[in-house]
Amino acid sequence: MRSPSSGSTYHVVHFDHAAEAAAFIAALSRFLDAPGGGGFVTGPPPAAGPVEVWSYPTVPGDSVEVYLSGGALE
């Protein structure tokens, strides 16, 4: 399993429930795979870096933090 790139900047989106984080990632994936959604995405500029999305459960509870790279945020 890969881990986030060291030295990269990530933007954190916090979800109180794991189901909310899963729904966010699923919706993002469906949007990018849809014919209409892909037309809005031109890809991040090279300076934004690679597209990476990571998530980790937080302790305690059911909350999850989703990390988006600069390229993913673009």
PDB file of N, CA and C in Angstrom:
ATOM      1  N   MET A   1       0.835  -1.174   0.000  1.00  0.00           N
ATOM      2  CA  MET A   1       0.000   0.000   0.000  1.00  0.00           C
ATOM      3  C   MET A   1       0.878   1.236   0.000  1.00  0.00           C
ATOM      4  N   ARG A   2       0.559   2.154  -0.892  1.00  0.00           N
ATOM      5  CA  ARG A   2       1.302   3.407  -0.952  1.00  0.00           C
ATOM      6  C   ARG A   2       0.882   4.322   0.189  1.00  0.00           C
ATOM      7  N   SER A   3       1.719   5.268   0.484  1.00  0.00           N
ATOM      8  CA  SER A   3       1.369   6.283   1.467  1.00  0.00           C
ATOM      9  C   SER A   3       1.503   7.654   0.804  1.00  0.00           C
ATOM     10  N   PRO A   4       0.920   8.684   1.393  1.00  0.00           N
ATOM     11  CA  PRO A   4       0.983  10.015   0.785  1.00  0.00           C
ATOM     12  C   PRO A   4       2.417  10.443   0.515  1.00  0.00           C
ATOM     13  N   SER A   5       2.601  11.208  -0.541  1.00  0.00           N
ATOM     14  CA  SER A   5       3.926  11.690  -0.909  1.00  0.00           C
ATOM     15  C   SER A   5       4.476  12.600   0.176  1.00  0.00           C
ATOM     16  N   SER A   6       5.703  12.348   0.577  1.00  0.00           N
ATOM     17  CA  SER A   6       6.303  13.219   1.586  1.00  0.00           C
ATOM     18  C   SER A   6       6.634  14.559   0.945  1.00  0.00           C
ATOM     19  N   GLY A   7       6.498  15.600   1.704  1.00  0.00           N
ATOM     20  CA  GLY A   7       6.794  16.937   1.194  1.00  0.00           C
ATOM     21  C   GLY A   7       5.661  17.555   0.409  1.00  0.00           C
ATOM     22  N   SER A   8       4.567  16.843   0.228  1.00  0.00           N
ATOM     23  CA  SER A   8       3.417  17.376  -0.505  1.00  0.00           C
ATOM     24  C   SER A   8       2.486  18.093   0.461  1.00  0.00           C
ATOM     25  N   THR A   9       1.706  19.017  -0.078  1.00  0.00           N
ATOM     26  CA  THR A   9       0.707  19.714   0.712  1.00  0.00           C
ATOM     27  C   THR A   9      -0.636  19.057   0.483  1.00  0.00           C
ATOM     28  N   TYR A  10      -1.350  18.790   1.566  1.00  0.00           N
ATOM     29  CA  TYR A  10      -2.669  18.180   1.472  1.00  0.00           C
ATOM     30  C   TYR A  10      -3.701  19.081   2.136  1.00  0.00           C
ATOM     31  N   HIS A  11      -4.901  19.066   1.612  1.00  0.00           N
ATOM     32  CA  HIS A  11      -6.025  19.818   2.146  1.00  0.00           C
ATOM     33  C   HIS A  11      -6.941  18.818   2.835  1.00  0.00           C
ATOM     34  N   VAL A  12      -7.326  19.102   4.071  1.00  0.00           N
ATOM     35  CA  VAL A  12      -8.087  18.158   4.878  1.00  0.00           C
ATOM     36  C   VAL A  12      -9.566  18.517   4.863  1.00  0.00           C
ATOM     37  N   VAL A  13     -10.394  17.506   4.614  1.00  0.00           N
ATOM     38  CA  VAL A  13     -11.841  17.628   4.742  1.00  0.00           C
ATOM     39  C   VAL A  13     -12.237  16.641   5.834  1.00  0.00           C
ATOM     40  N   HIS A  14     -12.842  17.145   6.903  1.00  0.00           N
ATOM     41  CA  HIS A  14     -13.201  16.299   8.042  1.00  0.00           C
ATOM     42  C   HIS A  14     -14.672  15.909   7.947  1.00  0.00           C
ATOM     43  N   PHE A  15     -14.946  14.630   8.116  1.00  0.00           N
ATOM     44  CA  PHE A  15     -16.316  14.111   8.136  1.00  0.00           C
ATOM     45  C   PHE A  15     -16.568  13.483   9.499  1.00  0.00           C
ATOM     46  N   ASP A  16     -17.725  13.784  10.093  1.00  0.00           N
ATOM     47  CA  ASP A  16     -18.059  13.233  11.406  1.00  0.00           C
ATOM     48  C   ASP A  16     -18.398  11.752  11.353  1.00  0.00           C
ATOM     49  N   HIS A  17     -18.794  11.268  10.180  1.00  0.00           N
ATOM     50  CA  HIS A  17     -19.187   9.868  10.033  1.00  0.00           C
ATOM     51  C   HIS A  17     -18.508   9.269   8.798  1.00  0.00           C
ATOM     52  N   ALA A  18     -18.043   8.045   8.930  1.00  0.00           N
ATOM     53  CA  ALA A  18     -17.364   7.374   7.823  1.00  0.00           C
ATOM     54  C   ALA A  18     -18.260   7.261   6.602  1.00  0.00           C
ATOM     55  N   ALA A  19     -19.566   7.096   6.811  1.00  0.00           N
ATOM     56  CA  ALA A  19     -20.497   6.988   5.675  1.00  0.00           C
ATOM     57  C   ALA A  19     -20.516   8.278   4.858  1.00  0.00           C
ATOM     58  N   GLU A  20     -20.362   9.433   5.510  1.00  0.00           N
ATOM     59  CA  GLU A  20     -20.324  10.709   4.795  1.00  0.00           C
ATOM     60  C   GLU A  20     -19.070  10.804   3.934  1.00  0.00           C
ATOM     61  N   ALA A  21     -17.942  10.374   4.469  1.00  0.00           N
ATOM     62  CA  ALA A  21     -16.691  10.388   3.713  1.00  0.00           C
ATOM     63  C   ALA A  21     -16.786   9.454   2.512  1.00  0.00           C
ATOM     64  N   ALA A  22     -17.357   8.272   2.727  1.00  0.00           N
ATOM     65  CA  ALA A  22     -17.516   7.315   1.628  1.00  0.00           C
ATOM     66  C   ALA A  22     -18.434   7.885   0.544  1.00  0.00           C
ATOM     67  N   ALA A  23     -19.495   8.565   0.949  1.00  0.00           N
ATOM     68  CA  ALA A  23     -20.416   9.166  -0.019  1.00  0.00           C
ATOM     69  C   ALA A  23     -19.720  10.273  -0.804  1.00  0.00           C
ATOM     70  N   PHE A  24     -18.887  11.071  -0.153  1.00  0.00           N
ATOM     71  CA  PHE A  24     -18.140  12.132  -0.829  1.00  0.00           C
ATOM     72  C   PHE A  24     -17.213  11.553  -1.893  1.00  0.00           C
ATOM     73  N   ILE A  25     -16.450  10.528  -1.511  1.00  0.00           N
ATOM     74  CA  ILE A  25     -15.514   9.905  -2.457  1.00  0.00           C
ATOM     75  C   ILE A  25     -16.265   9.246  -3.606  1.00  0.00           C
ATOM     76  N   ALA A  26     -17.376   8.574  -3.309  1.00  0.00           N
ATOM     77  CA  ALA A  26     -18.172   7.929  -4.358  1.00  0.00           C
ATOM     78  C   ALA A  26     -18.742   8.968  -5.316  1.00  0.00           C
ATOM     79  N   ALA A  27     -19.255  10.075  -4.787  1.00  0.00           N
ATOM     80  CA  ALA A  27     -19.808  11.123  -5.648  1.00  0.00           C
ATOM     81  C   ALA A  27     -18.715  11.757  -6.499  1.00  0.00           C
ATOM     82  N   LEU A  28     -17.545  11.992  -5.926  1.00  0.00           N
ATOM     83  CA  LEU A  28     -16.424  12.547  -6.681  1.00  0.00           C
ATOM     84  C   LEU A  28     -16.023  11.609  -7.811  1.00  0.00           C
ATOM     85  N   SER A  29     -15.958  10.322  -7.531  1.00  0.00           N
ATOM     86  CA  SER A  29     -15.607   9.334  -8.552  1.00  0.00           C
ATOM     87  C   SER A  29     -16.648   9.287  -9.664  1.00  0.00           C
ATOM     88  N   ARG A  30     -17.935   9.283  -9.293  1.00  0.00           N
ATOM     89  CA  ARG A  30     -18.997   9.253 -10.308  1.00  0.00           C
ATOM     90  C   ARG A  30     -18.965  10.500 -11.170  1.00  0.00           C
ATOM     91  N   PHE A  31     -18.732  11.663 -10.560  1.00  0.00           N
ATOM     92  CA  PHE A  31     -18.680  12.907 -11.323  1.00  0.00           C
ATOM     93  C   PHE A  31     -17.548  12.875 -12.340  1.00  0.00           C
ATOM     94  N   LEU A  32     -16.381  12.439 -11.913  1.00  0.00           N
ATOM     95  CA  LEU A  32     -15.233  12.421 -12.815  1.00  0.00           C
ATOM     96  C   LEU A  32     -15.365  11.374 -13.913  1.00  0.00           C
ATOM     97  N   ASP A  33     -16.095  10.279 -13.641  1.00  0.00           N
ATOM     98  CA  ASP A  33     -16.289   9.239 -14.647  1.00  0.00           C
ATOM     99  C   ASP A  33     -17.452   9.532 -15.594  1.00  0.00           C
ATOM    100  N   ALA A  34     -18.321  10.470 -15.227  1.00  0.00           N
ATOM    101  CA  ALA A  34     -19.487  10.776 -16.059  1.00  0.00           C
ATOM    102  C   ALA A  34     -19.061  11.552 -17.303  1.00  0.00           C
ATOM    103  N   PRO A  35     -19.720  11.311 -18.445  1.00  0.00           N
ATOM    104  CA  PRO A  35     -19.355  12.043 -19.664  1.00  0.00           C
ATOM    105  C   PRO A  35     -19.457  13.562 -19.483  1.00  0.00           C
ATOM    106  N   GLY A  36     -20.491  14.030 -18.813  1.00  0.00           N
ATOM    107  CA  GLY A  36     -20.631  15.468 -18.603  1.00  0.00           C
ATOM    108  C   GLY A  36     -19.655  16.018 -17.592  1.00  0.00           C
ATOM    109  N   GLY A  37     -19.384  15.248 -16.550  1.00  0.00           N
ATOM    110  CA  GLY A  37     -18.482  15.704 -15.498  1.00  0.00           C
ATOM    111  C   GLY A  37     -17.058  15.827 -15.973  1.00  0.00           C
ATOM    112  N   GLY A  38     -16.612  14.866 -16.758  1.00  0.00           N
ATOM    113  CA  GLY A  38     -15.246  14.894 -17.266  1.00  0.00           C
ATOM    114  C   GLY A  38     -14.972  16.081 -18.152  1.00  0.00           C
ATOM    115  N   GLY A  39     -16.015  16.632 -18.794  1.00  0.00           N
ATOM    116  CA  GLY A  39     -15.837  17.787 -19.659  1.00  0.00           C
ATOM    117  C   GLY A  39     -15.476  19.038 -18.889  1.00  0.00           C
ATOM    118  N   PHE A  40     -15.815  19.093 -17.611  1.00  0.00           N
ATOM    119  CA  PHE A  40     -15.490  20.260 -16.799  1.00  0.00           C
ATOM    120  C   PHE A  40     -14.082  20.187 -16.242  1.00  0.00           C
ATOM    121  N   VAL A  41     -13.479  19.017 -16.300  1.00  0.00           N
ATOM    122  CA  VAL A  41     -12.169  18.820 -15.704  1.00  0.00           C
ATOM    123  C   VAL A  41     -11.119  18.818 -16.797  1.00  0.00           C
ATOM    124  N   THR A  42     -10.187  19.735 -16.713  1.00  0.00           N
ATOM    125  CA  THR A  42      -9.109  19.790 -17.699  1.00  0.00           C
ATOM    126  C   THR A  42      -7.820  19.229 -17.139  1.00  0.00           C
ATOM    127  N   GLY A  43      -7.840  18.850 -15.882  1.00  0.00           N
ATOM    128  CA  GLY A  43      -6.634  18.349 -15.246  1.00  0.00           C
ATOM    129  C   GLY A  43      -5.937  19.474 -14.512  1.00  0.00           C
ATOM    130  N   PRO A  44      -5.249  19.148 -13.465  1.00  0.00           N
ATOM    131  CA  PRO A  44      -4.582  20.186 -12.686  1.00  0.00           C
ATOM    132  C   PRO A  44      -3.378  20.734 -13.432  1.00  0.00           C
ATOM    133  N   PRO A  45      -3.036  21.997 -13.177  1.00  0.00           N
ATOM    134  CA  PRO A  45      -1.795  22.515 -13.762  1.00  0.00           C
ATOM    135  C   PRO A  45      -0.601  21.766 -13.171  1.00  0.00           C
ATOM    136  N   PRO A  46       0.495  21.687 -13.905  1.00  0.00           N
ATOM    137  CA  PRO A  46       1.650  20.919 -13.403  1.00  0.00           C
ATOM    138  C   PRO A  46       2.108  21.373 -12.023  1.00  0.00           C
ATOM    139  N   ALA A  47       1.982  22.651 -11.718  1.00  0.00           N
ATOM    140  CA  ALA A  47       2.428  23.155 -10.417  1.00  0.00           C
ATOM    141  C   ALA A  47       1.583  22.599  -9.272  1.00  0.00           C
ATOM    142  N   ALA A  48       0.354  22.145  -9.562  1.00  0.00           N
ATOM    143  CA  ALA A  48      -0.528  21.623  -8.516  1.00  0.00           C
ATOM    144  C   ALA A  48      -0.087  20.248  -8.047  1.00  0.00           C
ATOM    145  N   GLY A  49       0.701  19.550  -8.841  1.00  0.00           N
ATOM    146  CA  GLY A  49       1.174  18.231  -8.447  1.00  0.00           C
ATOM    147  C   GLY A  49       0.206  17.134  -8.838  1.00  0.00           C
ATOM    148  N   PRO A  50       0.515  15.905  -8.442  1.00  0.00           N
ATOM    149  CA  PRO A  50      -0.318  14.761  -8.817  1.00  0.00           C
ATOM    150  C   PRO A  50      -1.665  14.789  -8.096  1.00  0.00           C
ATOM    151  N   VAL A  51      -2.618  14.065  -8.660  1.00  0.00           N
ATOM    152  CA  VAL A  51      -3.933  13.936  -8.035  1.00  0.00           C
ATOM    153  C   VAL A  51      -3.878  12.773  -7.066  1.00  0.00           C
ATOM    154  N   GLU A  52      -4.053  13.061  -5.777  1.00  0.00           N
ATOM    155  CA  GLU A  52      -4.042  12.034  -4.736  1.00  0.00           C
ATOM    156  C   GLU A  52      -5.162  12.320  -3.746  1.00  0.00           C
ATOM    157  N   VAL A  53      -5.848  11.273  -3.342  1.00  0.00           N
ATOM    158  CA  VAL A  53      -6.882  11.374  -2.316  1.00  0.00           C
ATOM    159  C   VAL A  53      -6.609  10.262  -1.306  1.00  0.00           C
ATOM    160  N   TRP A  54      -6.481  10.633  -0.044  1.00  0.00           N
ATOM    161  CA  TRP A  54      -6.199   9.689   1.034  1.00  0.00           C
ATOM    162  C   TRP A  54      -7.221   9.882   2.132  1.00  0.00           C
ATOM    163  N   SER A  55      -7.498   8.836   2.853  1.00  0.00           N
ATOM    164  CA  SER A  55      -8.369   8.978   4.020  1.00  0.00           C
ATOM    165  C   SER A  55      -7.849   8.095   5.140  1.00  0.00           C
ATOM    166  N   TYR A  56      -8.079   8.584   6.355  1.00  0.00           N
ATOM    167  CA  TYR A  56      -7.686   7.849   7.540  1.00  0.00           C
ATOM    168  C   TYR A  56      -8.795   7.986   8.571  1.00  0.00           C
ATOM    169  N   PRO A  57      -9.140   6.909   9.238  1.00  0.00           N
ATOM    170  CA  PRO A  57     -10.097   7.045  10.342  1.00  0.00           C
ATOM    171  C   PRO A  57      -9.423   7.788  11.493  1.00  0.00           C
ATOM    172  N   THR A  58     -10.180   8.606  12.169  1.00  0.00           N
ATOM    173  CA  THR A  58      -9.646   9.290  13.344  1.00  0.00           C
ATOM    174  C   THR A  58     -10.106   8.556  14.590  1.00  0.00           C
ATOM    175  N   VAL A  59      -9.380   8.727  15.637  1.00  0.00           N
ATOM    176  CA  VAL A  59      -9.706   8.021  16.881  1.00  0.00           C
ATOM    177  C   VAL A  59     -10.097   9.069  17.906  1.00  0.00           C
ATOM    178  N   PRO A  60     -11.084   8.941  18.681  1.00  0.00           N
ATOM    179  CA  PRO A  60     -12.055   7.852  18.729  1.00  0.00           C
ATOM    180  C   PRO A  60     -13.250   8.172  17.835  1.00  0.00           C
ATOM    181  N   GLY A  61     -14.113   7.215  17.705  1.00  0.00           N
ATOM    182  CA  GLY A  61     -15.371   7.438  17.002  1.00  0.00           C
ATOM    183  C   GLY A  61     -15.356   7.021  15.556  1.00  0.00           C
ATOM    184  N   ASP A  62     -16.329   7.564  14.859  1.00  0.00           N
ATOM    185  CA  ASP A  62     -16.613   7.175  13.483  1.00  0.00           C
ATOM    186  C   ASP A  62     -16.136   8.226  12.485  1.00  0.00           C
ATOM    187  N   SER A  63     -15.415   9.258  12.949  1.00  0.00           N
ATOM    188  CA  SER A  63     -15.041  10.340  12.044  1.00  0.00           C
ATOM    189  C   SER A  63     -13.874   9.931  11.141  1.00  0.00           C
ATOM    190  N   VAL A  64     -13.795  10.594   9.990  1.00  0.00           N
ATOM    191  CA  VAL A  64     -12.764  10.297   8.993  1.00  0.00           C
ATOM    192  C   VAL A  64     -12.233  11.612   8.452  1.00  0.00           C
ATOM    193  N   GLU A  65     -10.942  11.679   8.226  1.00  0.00           N
ATOM    194  CA  GLU A  65     -10.336  12.814   7.562  1.00  0.00           C
ATOM    195  C   GLU A  65      -9.934  12.376   6.163  1.00  0.00           C
ATOM    196  N   VAL A  66     -10.334  13.157   5.161  1.00  0.00           N
ATOM    197  CA  VAL A  66      -9.985  12.897   3.768  1.00  0.00           C
ATOM    198  C   VAL A  66      -8.961  13.950   3.366  1.00  0.00           C
ATOM    199  N   TYR A  67      -7.845  13.518   2.818  1.00  0.00           N
ATOM    200  CA  TYR A  67      -6.771  14.411   2.414  1.00  0.00           C
ATOM    201  C   TYR A  67      -6.756  14.494   0.889  1.00  0.00           C
ATOM    202  N   LEU A  68      -6.813  15.714   0.366  1.00  0.00           N
ATOM    203  CA  LEU A  68      -6.774  15.949  -1.077  1.00  0.00           C
ATOM    204  C   LEU A  68      -5.475  16.670  -1.414  1.00  0.00           C
ATOM    205  N   SER A  69      -4.744  16.169  -2.395  1.00  0.00           N
ATOM    206  CA  SER A  69      -3.534  16.856  -2.825  1.00  0.00           C
ATOM    207  C   SER A  69      -3.923  18.136  -3.566  1.00  0.00           C
ATOM    208  N   GLY A  70      -2.953  18.981  -3.813  1.00  0.00           N
ATOM    209  CA  GLY A  70      -3.229  20.208  -4.567  1.00  0.00           C
ATOM    210  C   GLY A  70      -3.825  19.897  -5.931  1.00  0.00           C
ATOM    211  N   GLY A  71      -3.345  18.846  -6.582  1.00  0.00           N
ATOM    212  CA  GLY A  71      -3.891  18.438  -7.877  1.00  0.00           C
ATOM    213  C   GLY A  71      -5.306  17.969  -7.788  1.00  0.00           C
ATOM    214  N   ALA A  72      -5.644  17.262  -6.717  1.00  0.00           N
ATOM    215  CA  ALA A  72      -7.019  16.783  -6.530  1.00  0.00           C
ATOM    216  C   ALA A  72      -7.943  17.942  -6.216  1.00  0.00           C
ATOM    217  N   LEU A  73      -7.463  18.926  -5.473  1.00  0.00           N
ATOM    218  CA  LEU A  73      -8.293  20.075  -5.137  1.00  0.00           C
ATOM    219  C   LEU A  73      -8.589  20.904  -6.375  1.00  0.00           C
ATOM    220  N   GLU A  74      -7.629  21.003  -7.280  1.00  0.00           N
ATOM    221  CA  GLU A  74      -7.853  21.735  -8.537  1.00  0.00           C
ATOM    222  C   GLU A  74      -8.970  21.072  -9.309  1.00  0.00           C
TER     223      GLU A  74
END
